[in-house]
Structures are given as C-alpha cells and as structure tokens.
Amino acid sequence: MWMTPILPYLTDTKENIETILDWCIDAGVKGIICFNIGMTLRDGDREYYYQRLDHLFQGLTETYRHQYGKAYDVVSPRKDELMQYFTETCEKHGILHTPDDCFQYINEMPERYEQLTLDMI
C-alpha cells in the first residue's frame, strides 16, 4: 500500500495517520510505502491544486506559496512527529514500512504464470 498524498495543513494530523494505519492493521496489510509525510506538486498540478485551495480553504494558498514556493516535494511541517508515529506503529504490528523492505518482499513473491480472465474472477 502507498500512503500518499498527505496534504500539509489539511490531512497531516496524527488522527488521520492513526485512522489510516488502523484500517491497514485491520485489513492485514503486509507493507506500507511512505516516502514522506506530504505530497508532490508538478508544474500544472500545482496551479490546479492552488486554485482548489483558494476555492475551498481561502488563504491557505499563501501559506503554501510562502513555505514551499515551486518545490516539487511538499512536506508537512509535522513530518518528523508523524513519521515517528508511523514507524513505531508499523514496527509494533509487524508491518513492513521502508521502501526497501516492501520492494524486497514484492520481488520475492512467486510469479503467477496463469493469465486470469473475467470469468475466473
């Protein structure tokens, strides 16, 4: 599972991360890839995102522009606290949580050679 995006100043709360992790624990998720607590904004995407922020959360765009400028990586100011909680929770529940561990697990999975068809599902 990928845990992204986490929107700075909107969804970057401990309660939100806790809820996501609780759902993963309940579902028996084997691994969660979380490169950071935040999101990425490419040119074009950034303008659209800021337009929607202006519409839904007046004034928040200025916070983003001041803090992130035209950065591609938009990391939560709460990153350290939330990443620590994420890591501790994953380790407590035996969930793989580093990209290397998750990708290693995926690479070790046996390949399926059988092509599924819609009538098999």
PDB file of N, CA and C in Angstrom:
ATOM      1  N   MET A   1       0.830  -1.162   0.000  1.00  0.00           N
ATOM      2  CA  MET A   1       0.000   0.000   0.000  1.00  0.00           C
ATOM      3  C   MET A   1       0.885   1.239   0.000  1.00  0.00           C
ATOM      4  N   TRP A   2       0.445   2.263  -0.680  1.00  0.00           N
ATOM      5  CA  TRP A   2       1.125   3.563  -0.671  1.00  0.00           C
ATOM      6  C   TRP A   2       0.332   4.501   0.234  1.00  0.00           C
ATOM      7  N   MET A   3       1.031   5.214   1.094  1.00  0.00           N
ATOM      8  CA  MET A   3       0.354   6.169   1.956  1.00  0.00           C
ATOM      9  C   MET A   3       0.677   7.572   1.444  1.00  0.00           C
ATOM     10  N   THR A   4      -0.072   7.985   0.468  1.00  0.00           N
ATOM     11  CA  THR A   4       0.143   9.281  -0.146  1.00  0.00           C
ATOM     12  C   THR A   4      -1.114   9.680  -0.911  1.00  0.00           C
ATOM     13  N   PRO A   5      -1.429  10.902  -1.097  1.00  0.00           N
ATOM     14  CA  PRO A   5      -0.744  12.055  -0.523  1.00  0.00           C
ATOM     15  C   PRO A   5      -1.285  12.387   0.864  1.00  0.00           C
ATOM     16  N   ILE A   6      -0.446  13.003   1.648  1.00  0.00           N
ATOM     17  CA  ILE A   6      -0.848  13.604   2.911  1.00  0.00           C
ATOM     18  C   ILE A   6      -0.720  15.111   2.689  1.00  0.00           C
ATOM     19  N   LEU A   7      -1.817  15.830   2.775  1.00  0.00           N
ATOM     20  CA  LEU A   7      -1.851  17.239   2.420  1.00  0.00           C
ATOM     21  C   LEU A   7      -1.456  18.116   3.613  1.00  0.00           C
ATOM     22  N   PRO A   8      -0.333  18.840   3.507  1.00  0.00           N
ATOM     23  CA  PRO A   8       0.071  19.714   4.601  1.00  0.00           C
ATOM     24  C   PRO A   8      -1.040  20.697   4.979  1.00  0.00           C
ATOM     25  N   TYR A   9      -1.225  20.858   6.275  1.00  0.00           N
ATOM     26  CA  TYR A   9      -2.206  21.757   6.865  1.00  0.00           C
ATOM     27  C   TYR A   9      -3.654  21.286   6.697  1.00  0.00           C
ATOM     28  N   LEU A  10      -3.871  20.159   6.047  1.00  0.00           N
ATOM     29  CA  LEU A  10      -5.236  19.655   5.861  1.00  0.00           C
ATOM     30  C   LEU A  10      -5.406  18.246   6.415  1.00  0.00           C
ATOM     31  N   THR A  11      -4.575  17.320   5.958  1.00  0.00           N
ATOM     32  CA  THR A  11      -4.727  15.926   6.397  1.00  0.00           C
ATOM     33  C   THR A  11      -3.503  15.422   7.147  1.00  0.00           C
ATOM     34  N   ASP A  12      -2.601  16.310   7.497  1.00  0.00           N
ATOM     35  CA  ASP A  12      -1.370  15.899   8.189  1.00  0.00           C
ATOM     36  C   ASP A  12      -1.551  15.954   9.710  1.00  0.00           C
ATOM     37  N   THR A  13      -2.506  15.177  10.176  1.00  0.00           N
ATOM     38  CA  THR A  13      -2.766  15.106  11.611  1.00  0.00           C
ATOM     39  C   THR A  13      -2.485  13.695  12.112  1.00  0.00           C
ATOM     40  N   LYS A  14      -2.174  13.598  13.379  1.00  0.00           N
ATOM     41  CA  LYS A  14      -1.950  12.278  13.969  1.00  0.00           C
ATOM     42  C   LYS A  14      -3.216  11.439  13.868  1.00  0.00           C
ATOM     43  N   GLU A  15      -4.373  12.062  14.063  1.00  0.00           N
ATOM     44  CA  GLU A  15      -5.646  11.330  13.985  1.00  0.00           C
ATOM     45  C   GLU A  15      -5.859  10.724  12.602  1.00  0.00           C
ATOM     46  N   ASN A  16      -5.500  11.455  11.568  1.00  0.00           N
ATOM     47  CA  ASN A  16      -5.655  10.941  10.210  1.00  0.00           C
ATOM     48  C   ASN A  16      -4.713   9.770   9.952  1.00  0.00           C
ATOM     49  N   ILE A  17      -3.452   9.925  10.334  1.00  0.00           N
ATOM     50  CA  ILE A  17      -2.472   8.849  10.150  1.00  0.00           C
ATOM     51  C   ILE A  17      -2.894   7.629  10.971  1.00  0.00           C
ATOM     52  N   GLU A  18      -3.358   7.862  12.185  1.00  0.00           N
ATOM     53  CA  GLU A  18      -3.807   6.782  13.057  1.00  0.00           C
ATOM     54  C   GLU A  18      -4.968   6.013  12.418  1.00  0.00           C
ATOM     55  N   THR A  19      -5.917   6.727  11.832  1.00  0.00           N
ATOM     56  CA  THR A  19      -7.056   6.077  11.173  1.00  0.00           C
ATOM     57  C   THR A  19      -6.603   5.237   9.987  1.00  0.00           C
ATOM     58  N   ILE A  20      -5.722   5.791   9.158  1.00  0.00           N
ATOM     59  CA  ILE A  20      -5.205   5.042   8.007  1.00  0.00           C
ATOM     60  C   ILE A  20      -4.503   3.769   8.482  1.00  0.00           C
ATOM     61  N   LEU A  21      -3.653   3.905   9.494  1.00  0.00           N
ATOM     62  CA  LEU A  21      -2.918   2.743   9.997  1.00  0.00           C
ATOM     63  C   LEU A  21      -3.856   1.725  10.644  1.00  0.00           C
ATOM     64  N   ASP A  22      -4.871   2.172  11.354  1.00  0.00           N
ATOM     65  CA  ASP A  22      -5.858   1.242  11.936  1.00  0.00           C
ATOM     66  C   ASP A  22      -6.544   0.429  10.845  1.00  0.00           C
ATOM     67  N   TRP A  23      -6.913   1.088   9.749  1.00  0.00           N
ATOM     68  CA  TRP A  23      -7.546   0.367   8.630  1.00  0.00           C
ATOM     69  C   TRP A  23      -6.572  -0.659   8.049  1.00  0.00           C
ATOM     70  N   CYS A  24      -5.318  -0.276   7.915  1.00  0.00           N
ATOM     71  CA  CYS A  24      -4.312  -1.200   7.377  1.00  0.00           C
ATOM     72  C   CYS A  24      -4.113  -2.396   8.305  1.00  0.00           C
ATOM     73  N   ILE A  25      -4.049  -2.142   9.596  1.00  0.00           N
ATOM     74  CA  ILE A  25      -3.885  -3.221  10.580  1.00  0.00           C
ATOM     75  C   ILE A  25      -5.078  -4.163  10.518  1.00  0.00           C
ATOM     76  N   ASP A  26      -6.281  -3.608  10.493  1.00  0.00           N
ATOM     77  CA  ASP A  26      -7.500  -4.431  10.416  1.00  0.00           C
ATOM     78  C   ASP A  26      -7.553  -5.262   9.141  1.00  0.00           C
ATOM     79  N   ALA A  27      -7.032  -4.705   8.049  1.00  0.00           N
ATOM     80  CA  ALA A  27      -7.066  -5.407   6.753  1.00  0.00           C
ATOM     81  C   ALA A  27      -5.923  -6.405   6.607  1.00  0.00           C
ATOM     82  N   GLY A  28      -4.972  -6.398   7.531  1.00  0.00           N
ATOM     83  CA  GLY A  28      -3.837  -7.316   7.442  1.00  0.00           C
ATOM     84  C   GLY A  28      -2.824  -6.926   6.389  1.00  0.00           C
ATOM     85  N   VAL A  29      -2.674  -5.643   6.162  1.00  0.00           N
ATOM     86  CA  VAL A  29      -1.714  -5.160   5.172  1.00  0.00           C
ATOM     87  C   VAL A  29      -0.308  -5.622   5.551  1.00  0.00           C
ATOM     88  N   LYS A  30       0.432  -6.108   4.579  1.00  0.00           N
ATOM     89  CA  LYS A  30       1.788  -6.615   4.816  1.00  0.00           C
ATOM     90  C   LYS A  30       2.815  -5.483   4.843  1.00  0.00           C
ATOM     91  N   GLY A  31       2.635  -4.464   3.995  1.00  0.00           N
ATOM     92  CA  GLY A  31       3.608  -3.384   3.928  1.00  0.00           C
ATOM     93  C   GLY A  31       2.976  -2.083   3.476  1.00  0.00           C
ATOM     94  N   ILE A  32       3.550  -0.984   3.943  1.00  0.00           N
ATOM     95  CA  ILE A  32       3.085   0.351   3.574  1.00  0.00           C
ATOM     96  C   ILE A  32       4.304   1.157   3.144  1.00  0.00           C
ATOM     97  N   ILE A  33       4.237   1.710   1.952  1.00  0.00           N
ATOM     98  CA  ILE A  33       5.305   2.564   1.475  1.00  0.00           C
ATOM     99  C   ILE A  33       4.915   4.013   1.743  1.00  0.00           C
ATOM    100  N   CYS A  34       5.756   4.678   2.500  1.00  0.00           N
ATOM    101  CA  CYS A  34       5.546   6.093   2.822  1.00  0.00           C
ATOM    102  C   CYS A  34       6.892   6.778   2.684  1.00  0.00           C
ATOM    103  N   PHE A  35       7.094   7.463   1.570  1.00  0.00           N
ATOM    104  CA  PHE A  35       8.372   8.122   1.353  1.00  0.00           C
ATOM    105  C   PHE A  35       8.526   9.335   2.266  1.00  0.00           C
ATOM    106  N   ASN A  36       7.435   9.953   2.605  1.00  0.00           N
ATOM    107  CA  ASN A  36       7.453  11.104   3.490  1.00  0.00           C
ATOM    108  C   ASN A  36       6.017  11.484   3.799  1.00  0.00           C
ATOM    109  N   ILE A  37       5.845  12.316   4.785  1.00  0.00           N
ATOM    110  CA  ILE A  37       4.511  12.820   5.095  1.00  0.00           C
ATOM    111  C   ILE A  37       4.352  14.099   4.291  1.00  0.00           C
ATOM    112  N   GLY A  38       3.661  14.006   3.189  1.00  0.00           N
ATOM    113  CA  GLY A  38       3.473  15.151   2.315  1.00  0.00           C
ATOM    114  C   GLY A  38       2.946  14.716   0.967  1.00  0.00           C
ATOM    115  N   MET A  39       3.335  15.470  -0.036  1.00  0.00           N
ATOM    116  CA  MET A  39       2.856  15.219  -1.389  1.00  0.00           C
ATOM    117  C   MET A  39       3.859  15.793  -2.379  1.00  0.00           C
ATOM    118  N   THR A  40       3.617  15.562  -3.641  1.00  0.00           N
ATOM    119  CA  THR A  40       4.427  16.175  -4.685  1.00  0.00           C
ATOM    120  C   THR A  40       3.520  17.033  -5.552  1.00  0.00           C
ATOM    121  N   LEU A  41       4.089  18.120  -6.063  1.00  0.00           N
ATOM    122  CA  LEU A  41       3.344  19.010  -6.956  1.00  0.00           C
ATOM    123  C   LEU A  41       4.197  19.343  -8.164  1.00  0.00           C
ATOM    124  N   ARG A  42       3.770  18.844  -9.309  1.00  0.00           N
ATOM    125  CA  ARG A  42       4.441  19.173 -10.564  1.00  0.00           C
ATOM    126  C   ARG A  42       3.862  20.488 -11.089  1.00  0.00           C
ATOM    127  N   ASP A  43       4.611  21.117 -11.992  1.00  0.00           N
ATOM    128  CA  ASP A  43       4.067  22.285 -12.679  1.00  0.00           C
ATOM    129  C   ASP A  43       2.761  21.877 -13.355  1.00  0.00           C
ATOM    130  N   GLY A  44       1.781  22.709 -13.314  1.00  0.00           N
ATOM    131  CA  GLY A  44       0.457  22.393 -13.848  1.00  0.00           C
ATOM    132  C   GLY A  44      -0.427  21.849 -12.741  1.00  0.00           C
ATOM    133  N   ASP A  45       0.042  20.791 -12.073  1.00  0.00           N
ATOM    134  CA  ASP A  45      -0.691  20.254 -10.924  1.00  0.00           C
ATOM    135  C   ASP A  45      -0.748  21.290  -9.814  1.00  0.00           C
ATOM    136  N   ARG A  46       0.367  21.981  -9.602  1.00  0.00           N
ATOM    137  CA  ARG A  46       0.459  22.978  -8.548  1.00  0.00           C
ATOM    138  C   ARG A  46      -0.583  24.080  -8.751  1.00  0.00           C
ATOM    139  N   GLU A  47      -0.699  24.573  -9.967  1.00  0.00           N
ATOM    140  CA  GLU A  47      -1.648  25.648 -10.247  1.00  0.00           C
ATOM    141  C   GLU A  47      -3.078  25.189  -9.994  1.00  0.00           C
ATOM    142  N   TYR A  48      -3.391  23.980 -10.434  1.00  0.00           N
ATOM    143  CA  TYR A  48      -4.747  23.452 -10.207  1.00  0.00           C
ATOM    144  C   TYR A  48      -5.001  23.269  -8.708  1.00  0.00           C
ATOM    145  N   TYR A  49      -4.031  22.711  -7.994  1.00  0.00           N
ATOM    146  CA  TYR A  49      -4.176  22.492  -6.550  1.00  0.00           C
ATOM    147  C   TYR A  49      -4.386  23.822  -5.827  1.00  0.00           C
ATOM    148  N   TYR A  50      -3.586  24.832  -6.181  1.00  0.00           N
ATOM    149  CA  TYR A  50      -3.736  26.137  -5.542  1.00  0.00           C
ATOM    150  C   TYR A  50      -5.094  26.758  -5.854  1.00  0.00           C
ATOM    151  N   GLN A  51      -5.561  26.560  -7.061  1.00  0.00           N
ATOM    152  CA  GLN A  51      -6.888  27.080  -7.428  1.00  0.00           C
ATOM    153  C   GLN A  51      -7.961  26.445  -6.549  1.00  0.00           C
ATOM    154  N   ARG A  52      -7.877  25.143  -6.335  1.00  0.00           N
ATOM    155  CA  ARG A  52      -8.861  24.455  -5.490  1.00  0.00           C
ATOM    156  C   ARG A  52      -8.705  24.866  -4.027  1.00  0.00           C
ATOM    157  N   LEU A  53      -7.457  25.049  -3.570  1.00  0.00           N
ATOM    158  CA  LEU A  53      -7.245  25.534  -2.205  1.00  0.00           C
ATOM    159  C   LEU A  53      -7.890  26.900  -2.016  1.00  0.00           C
ATOM    160  N   ASP A  54      -7.681  27.794  -2.989  1.00  0.00           N
ATOM    161  CA  ASP A  54      -8.292  29.127  -2.902  1.00  0.00           C
ATOM    162  C   ASP A  54      -9.798  29.038  -2.786  1.00  0.00           C
ATOM    163  N   HIS A  55     -10.376  28.111  -3.528  1.00  0.00           N
ATOM    164  CA  HIS A  55     -11.836  27.965  -3.534  1.00  0.00           C
ATOM    165  C   HIS A  55     -12.352  27.363  -2.224  1.00  0.00           C
ATOM    166  N   LEU A  56     -11.658  26.353  -1.711  1.00  0.00           N
ATOM    167  CA  LEU A  56     -12.160  25.609  -0.553  1.00  0.00           C
ATOM    168  C   LEU A  56     -11.596  26.074   0.788  1.00  0.00           C
ATOM    169  N   PHE A  57     -10.372  26.590   0.793  1.00  0.00           N
ATOM    170  CA  PHE A  57      -9.702  26.970   2.040  1.00  0.00           C
ATOM    171  C   PHE A  57      -9.017  28.320   1.832  1.00  0.00           C
ATOM    172  N   GLN A  58      -9.805  29.351   1.800  1.00  0.00           N
ATOM    173  CA  GLN A  58      -9.317  30.684   1.491  1.00  0.00           C
ATOM    174  C   GLN A  58      -8.128  31.061   2.383  1.00  0.00           C
ATOM    175  N   GLY A  59      -7.058  31.508   1.756  1.00  0.00           N
ATOM    176  CA  GLY A  59      -5.862  31.939   2.458  1.00  0.00           C
ATOM    177  C   GLY A  59      -4.783  30.878   2.579  1.00  0.00           C
ATOM    178  N   LEU A  60      -5.139  29.607   2.430  1.00  0.00           N
ATOM    179  CA  LEU A  60      -4.153  28.547   2.601  1.00  0.00           C
ATOM    180  C   LEU A  60      -3.120  28.528   1.471  1.00  0.00           C
ATOM    181  N   THR A  61      -3.511  28.962   0.292  1.00  0.00           N
ATOM    182  CA  THR A  61      -2.571  29.002  -0.831  1.00  0.00           C
ATOM    183  C   THR A  61      -1.372  29.875  -0.497  1.00  0.00           C
ATOM    184  N   GLU A  62      -1.595  30.983   0.170  1.00  0.00           N
ATOM    185  CA  GLU A  62      -0.482  31.869   0.527  1.00  0.00           C
ATOM    186  C   GLU A  62       0.497  31.173   1.469  1.00  0.00           C
ATOM    187  N   THR A  63      -0.023  30.363   2.377  1.00  0.00           N
ATOM    188  CA  THR A  63       0.838  29.591   3.271  1.00  0.00           C
ATOM    189  C   THR A  63       1.704  28.637   2.463  1.00  0.00           C
ATOM    190  N   TYR A  64       1.091  27.942   1.507  1.00  0.00           N
ATOM    191  CA  TYR A  64       1.829  27.019   0.644  1.00  0.00           C
ATOM    192  C   TYR A  64       2.887  27.762  -0.169  1.00  0.00           C
ATOM    193  N   ARG A  65       2.509  28.867  -0.792  1.00  0.00           N
ATOM    194  CA  ARG A  65       3.460  29.618  -1.623  1.00  0.00           C
ATOM    195  C   ARG A  65       4.645  30.116  -0.794  1.00  0.00           C
ATOM    196  N   HIS A  66       4.350  30.577   0.409  1.00  0.00           N
ATOM    197  CA  HIS A  66       5.412  31.088   1.276  1.00  0.00           C
ATOM    198  C   HIS A  66       6.335  29.950   1.728  1.00  0.00           C
ATOM    199  N   GLN A  67       5.752  28.830   2.131  1.00  0.00           N
ATOM    200  CA  GLN A  67       6.560  27.739   2.684  1.00  0.00           C
ATOM    201  C   GLN A  67       7.249  26.899   1.612  1.00  0.00           C
ATOM    202  N   TYR A  68       6.576  26.648   0.484  1.00  0.00           N
ATOM    203  CA  TYR A  68       7.096  25.686  -0.493  1.00  0.00           C
ATOM    204  C   TYR A  68       7.539  26.311  -1.815  1.00  0.00           C
ATOM    205  N   GLY A  69       7.084  27.506  -2.113  1.00  0.00           N
ATOM    206  CA  GLY A  69       7.436  28.112  -3.397  1.00  0.00           C
ATOM    207  C   GLY A  69       7.024  27.212  -4.543  1.00  0.00           C
ATOM    208  N   LYS A  70       7.963  26.872  -5.407  1.00  0.00           N
ATOM    209  CA  LYS A  70       7.675  25.984  -6.542  1.00  0.00           C
ATOM    210  C   LYS A  70       8.296  24.611  -6.338  1.00  0.00           C
ATOM    211  N   ALA A  71       8.477  24.223  -5.084  1.00  0.00           N
ATOM    212  CA  ALA A  71       9.095  22.929  -4.771  1.00  0.00           C
ATOM    213  C   ALA A  71       8.246  21.778  -5.285  1.00  0.00           C
ATOM    214  N   TYR A  72       8.915  20.748  -5.715  1.00  0.00           N
ATOM    215  CA  TYR A  72       8.237  19.519  -6.139  1.00  0.00           C
ATOM    216  C   TYR A  72       7.772  18.737  -4.912  1.00  0.00           C
ATOM    217  N   ASP A  73       8.644  18.592  -3.918  1.00  0.00           N
ATOM    218  CA  ASP A  73       8.296  17.899  -2.676  1.00  0.00           C
ATOM    219  C   ASP A  73       7.675  18.903  -1.710  1.00  0.00           C
ATOM    220  N   VAL A  74       6.461  18.616  -1.304  1.00  0.00           N
ATOM    221  CA  VAL A  74       5.719  19.466  -0.376  1.00  0.00           C
ATOM    222  C   VAL A  74       5.524  18.643   0.892  1.00  0.00           C
ATOM    223  N   VAL A  75       6.417  18.841   1.847  1.00  0.00           N
ATOM    224  CA  VAL A  75       6.486  18.011   3.042  1.00  0.00           C
ATOM    225  C   VAL A  75       5.809  18.722   4.208  1.00  0.00           C
ATOM    226  N   SER A  76       5.045  17.970   4.967  1.00  0.00           N
ATOM    227  CA  SER A  76       4.347  18.515   6.121  1.00  0.00           C
ATOM    228  C   SER A  76       5.335  19.072   7.146  1.00  0.00           C
ATOM    229  N   PRO A  77       4.999  20.215   7.755  1.00  0.00           N
ATOM    230  CA  PRO A  77       5.830  20.701   8.850  1.00  0.00           C
ATOM    231  C   PRO A  77       5.790  19.766  10.067  1.00  0.00           C
ATOM    232  N   ARG A  78       4.851  18.826  10.076  1.00  0.00           N
ATOM    233  CA  ARG A  78       4.728  17.847  11.161  1.00  0.00           C
ATOM    234  C   ARG A  78       5.371  16.509  10.792  1.00  0.00           C
ATOM    235  N   LYS A  79       6.161  16.506   9.738  1.00  0.00           N
ATOM    236  CA  LYS A  79       6.754  15.283   9.186  1.00  0.00           C
ATOM    237  C   LYS A  79       7.464  14.436  10.238  1.00  0.00           C
ATOM    238  N   ASP A  80       8.329  15.023  11.024  1.00  0.00           N
ATOM    239  CA  ASP A  80       9.122  14.246  11.982  1.00  0.00           C
ATOM    240  C   ASP A  80       8.227  13.525  12.993  1.00  0.00           C
ATOM    241  N   GLU A  81       7.311  14.249  13.575  1.00  0.00           N
ATOM    242  CA  GLU A  81       6.385  13.667  14.557  1.00  0.00           C
ATOM    243  C   GLU A  81       5.544  12.550  13.936  1.00  0.00           C
ATOM    244  N   LEU A  82       5.008  12.805  12.745  1.00  0.00           N
ATOM    245  CA  LEU A  82       4.120  11.826  12.111  1.00  0.00           C
ATOM    246  C   LEU A  82       4.884  10.621  11.572  1.00  0.00           C
ATOM    247  N   MET A  83       6.090  10.834  11.053  1.00  0.00           N
ATOM    248  CA  MET A  83       6.897   9.702  10.598  1.00  0.00           C
ATOM    249  C   MET A  83       7.313   8.818  11.769  1.00  0.00           C
ATOM    250  N   GLN A  84       7.598   9.412  12.901  1.00  0.00           N
ATOM    251  CA  GLN A  84       7.939   8.623  14.083  1.00  0.00           C
ATOM    252  C   GLN A  84       6.743   7.762  14.507  1.00  0.00           C
ATOM    253  N   TYR A  85       5.562   8.348  14.514  1.00  0.00           N
ATOM    254  CA  TYR A  85       4.359   7.591  14.869  1.00  0.00           C
ATOM    255  C   TYR A  85       4.116   6.471  13.855  1.00  0.00           C
ATOM    256  N   PHE A  86       4.253   6.789  12.572  1.00  0.00           N
ATOM    257  CA  PHE A  86       4.078   5.809  11.504  1.00  0.00           C
ATOM    258  C   PHE A  86       5.038   4.631  11.694  1.00  0.00           C
ATOM    259  N   THR A  87       6.316   4.937  11.892  1.00  0.00           N
ATOM    260  CA  THR A  87       7.337   3.893  12.048  1.00  0.00           C
ATOM    261  C   THR A  87       7.074   3.035  13.276  1.00  0.00           C
ATOM    262  N   GLU A  88       6.818   3.663  14.404  1.00  0.00           N
ATOM    263  CA  GLU A  88       6.565   2.915  15.640  1.00  0.00           C
ATOM    264  C   GLU A  88       5.337   2.013  15.517  1.00  0.00           C
ATOM    265  N   THR A  89       4.286   2.518  14.911  1.00  0.00           N
ATOM    266  CA  THR A  89       3.059   1.727  14.765  1.00  0.00           C
ATOM    267  C   THR A  89       3.294   0.545  13.837  1.00  0.00           C
ATOM    268  N   CYS A  90       3.963   0.770  12.714  1.00  0.00           N
ATOM    269  CA  CYS A  90       4.243  -0.323  11.781  1.00  0.00           C
ATOM    270  C   CYS A  90       5.101  -1.391  12.454  1.00  0.00           C
ATOM    271  N   GLU A  91       6.131  -0.979  13.164  1.00  0.00           N
ATOM    272  CA  GLU A  91       7.003  -1.953  13.829  1.00  0.00           C
ATOM    273  C   GLU A  91       6.249  -2.734  14.896  1.00  0.00           C
ATOM    274  N   LYS A  92       5.401  -2.073  15.623  1.00  0.00           N
ATOM    275  CA  LYS A  92       4.608  -2.731  16.674  1.00  0.00           C
ATOM    276  C   LYS A  92       3.705  -3.812  16.095  1.00  0.00           C
ATOM    277  N   HIS A  93       3.202  -3.589  14.873  1.00  0.00           N
ATOM    278  CA  HIS A  93       2.248  -4.522  14.267  1.00  0.00           C
ATOM    279  C   HIS A  93       2.872  -5.391  13.173  1.00  0.00           C
ATOM    280  N   GLY A  94       4.192  -5.364  13.054  1.00  0.00           N
ATOM    281  CA  GLY A  94       4.872  -6.226  12.088  1.00  0.00           C
ATOM    282  C   GLY A  94       4.602  -5.862  10.640  1.00  0.00           C
ATOM    283  N   ILE A  95       4.362  -4.598  10.374  1.00  0.00           N
ATOM    284  CA  ILE A  95       4.094  -4.143   9.009  1.00  0.00           C
ATOM    285  C   ILE A  95       5.397  -3.620   8.412  1.00  0.00           C
ATOM    286  N   LEU A  96       5.753  -4.128   7.237  1.00  0.00           N
ATOM    287  CA  LEU A  96       6.922  -3.600   6.530  1.00  0.00           C
ATOM    288  C   LEU A  96       6.664  -2.130   6.228  1.00  0.00           C
ATOM    289  N   HIS A  97       7.675  -1.278   6.417  1.00  0.00           N
ATOM    290  CA  HIS A  97       7.407   0.144   6.245  1.00  0.00           C
ATOM    291  C   HIS A  97       8.517   0.933   5.575  1.00  0.00           C
ATOM    292  N   THR A  98       9.617   0.283   5.258  1.00  0.00           N
ATOM    293  CA  THR A  98      10.625   1.000   4.470  1.00  0.00           C
ATOM    294  C   THR A  98      10.443   0.605   3.010  1.00  0.00           C
ATOM    295  N   PRO A  99      10.689   1.535   2.096  1.00  0.00           N
ATOM    296  CA  PRO A  99      10.553   1.175   0.682  1.00  0.00           C
ATOM    297  C   PRO A  99      11.399  -0.049   0.319  1.00  0.00           C
ATOM    298  N   ASP A 100      12.634  -0.138   0.820  1.00  0.00           N
ATOM    299  CA  ASP A 100      13.494  -1.278   0.501  1.00  0.00           C
ATOM    300  C   ASP A 100      12.868  -2.592   0.957  1.00  0.00           C
ATOM    301  N   ASP A 101      12.356  -2.636   2.185  1.00  0.00           N
ATOM    302  CA  ASP A 101      11.731  -3.867   2.688  1.00  0.00           C
ATOM    303  C   ASP A 101      10.485  -4.236   1.890  1.00  0.00           C
ATOM    304  N   CYS A 102       9.674  -3.239   1.555  1.00  0.00           N
ATOM    305  CA  CYS A 102       8.454  -3.516   0.783  1.00  0.00           C
ATOM    306  C   CYS A 102       8.780  -4.034  -0.608  1.00  0.00           C
ATOM    307  N   PHE A 103       9.740  -3.393  -1.283  1.00  0.00           N
ATOM    308  CA  PHE A 103      10.101  -3.833  -2.631  1.00  0.00           C
ATOM    309  C   PHE A 103      10.790  -5.189  -2.612  1.00  0.00           C
ATOM    310  N   GLN A 104      11.583  -5.468  -1.592  1.00  0.00           N
ATOM    311  CA  GLN A 104      12.204  -6.786  -1.469  1.00  0.00           C
ATOM    312  C   GLN A 104      11.127  -7.856  -1.314  1.00  0.00           C
ATOM    313  N   TYR A 105      10.126  -7.588  -0.492  1.00  0.00           N
ATOM    314  CA  TYR A 105       9.028  -8.534  -0.299  1.00  0.00           C
ATOM    315  C   TYR A 105       8.294  -8.786  -1.622  1.00  0.00           C
ATOM    316  N   ILE A 106       8.035  -7.722  -2.355  1.00  0.00           N
ATOM    317  CA  ILE A 106       7.344  -7.859  -3.647  1.00  0.00           C
ATOM    318  C   ILE A 106       8.187  -8.696  -4.607  1.00  0.00           C
ATOM    319  N   ASN A 107       9.482  -8.444  -4.647  1.00  0.00           N
ATOM    320  CA  ASN A 107      10.365  -9.168  -5.564  1.00  0.00           C
ATOM    321  C   ASN A 107      10.501 -10.639  -5.208  1.00  0.00           C
ATOM    322  N   GLU A 108      10.289 -10.989  -3.940  1.00  0.00           N
ATOM    323  CA  GLU A 108      10.406 -12.381  -3.509  1.00  0.00           C
ATOM    324  C   GLU A 108       9.106 -13.164  -3.696  1.00  0.00           C
ATOM    325  N   MET A 109       8.044 -12.489  -4.063  1.00  0.00           N
ATOM    326  CA  MET A 109       6.767 -13.175  -4.278  1.00  0.00           C
ATOM    327  C   MET A 109       6.875 -14.062  -5.513  1.00  0.00           C
ATOM    328  N   PRO A 110       6.295 -15.252  -5.447  1.00  0.00           N
ATOM    329  CA  PRO A 110       6.341 -16.125  -6.633  1.00  0.00           C
ATOM    330  C   PRO A 110       5.538 -15.504  -7.776  1.00  0.00           C
ATOM    331  N   GLU A 111       6.055 -15.684  -8.986  1.00  0.00           N
ATOM    332  CA  GLU A 111       5.354 -15.153 -10.154  1.00  0.00           C
ATOM    333  C   GLU A 111       4.186 -16.056 -10.508  1.00  0.00           C
ATOM    334  N   ARG A 112       3.137 -15.441 -10.998  1.00  0.00           N
ATOM    335  CA  ARG A 112       1.985 -16.197 -11.490  1.00  0.00           C
ATOM    336  C   ARG A 112       2.060 -16.228 -12.998  1.00  0.00           C
ATOM    337  N   TYR A 113       1.982 -17.402 -13.539  1.00  0.00           N
ATOM    338  CA  TYR A 113       2.072 -17.527 -14.986  1.00  0.00           C
ATOM    339  C   TYR A 113       0.707 -17.701 -15.627  1.00  0.00           C
ATOM    340  N   GLU A 114      -0.306 -17.859 -14.823  1.00  0.00           N
ATOM    341  CA  GLU A 114      -1.641 -18.072 -15.340  1.00  0.00           C
ATOM    342  C   GLU A 114      -2.298 -16.721 -15.622  1.00  0.00           C
ATOM    343  N   GLN A 115      -2.786 -16.545 -16.829  1.00  0.00           N
ATOM    344  CA  GLN A 115      -3.491 -15.327 -17.203  1.00  0.00           C
ATOM    345  C   GLN A 115      -4.944 -15.462 -16.728  1.00  0.00           C
ATOM    346  N   LEU A 116      -5.356 -14.521 -15.911  1.00  0.00           N
ATOM    347  CA  LEU A 116      -6.737 -14.535 -15.424  1.00  0.00           C
ATOM    348  C   LEU A 116      -7.662 -13.976 -16.489  1.00  0.00           C
ATOM    349  N   THR A 117      -8.859 -14.492 -16.533  1.00  0.00           N
ATOM    350  CA  THR A 117      -9.876 -13.962 -17.420  1.00  0.00           C
ATOM    351  C   THR A 117     -11.033 -13.462 -16.563  1.00  0.00           C
ATOM    352  N   LEU A 118     -11.902 -12.688 -17.158  1.00  0.00           N
ATOM    353  CA  LEU A 118     -13.021 -12.137 -16.380  1.00  0.00           C
ATOM    354  C   LEU A 118     -13.931 -13.210 -15.812  1.00  0.00           C
ATOM    355  N   ASP A 119     -14.076 -14.327 -16.498  1.00  0.00           N
ATOM    356  CA  ASP A 119     -14.950 -15.372 -15.965  1.00  0.00           C
ATOM    357  C   ASP A 119     -14.314 -16.117 -14.785  1.00  0.00           C
ATOM    358  N   MET A 120     -13.017 -15.901 -14.535  1.00  0.00           N
ATOM    359  CA  MET A 120     -12.347 -16.515 -13.401  1.00  0.00           C
ATOM    360  C   MET A 120     -12.502 -15.682 -12.136  1.00  0.00           C
ATOM    361  N   ILE A 121     -12.885 -14.445 -12.284  1.00  0.00           N
ATOM    362  CA  ILE A 121     -12.971 -13.543 -11.135  1.00  0.00           C
ATOM    363  C   ILE A 121     -14.320 -13.667 -10.449  1.00  0.00           C
TER     364      ILE A 121
END
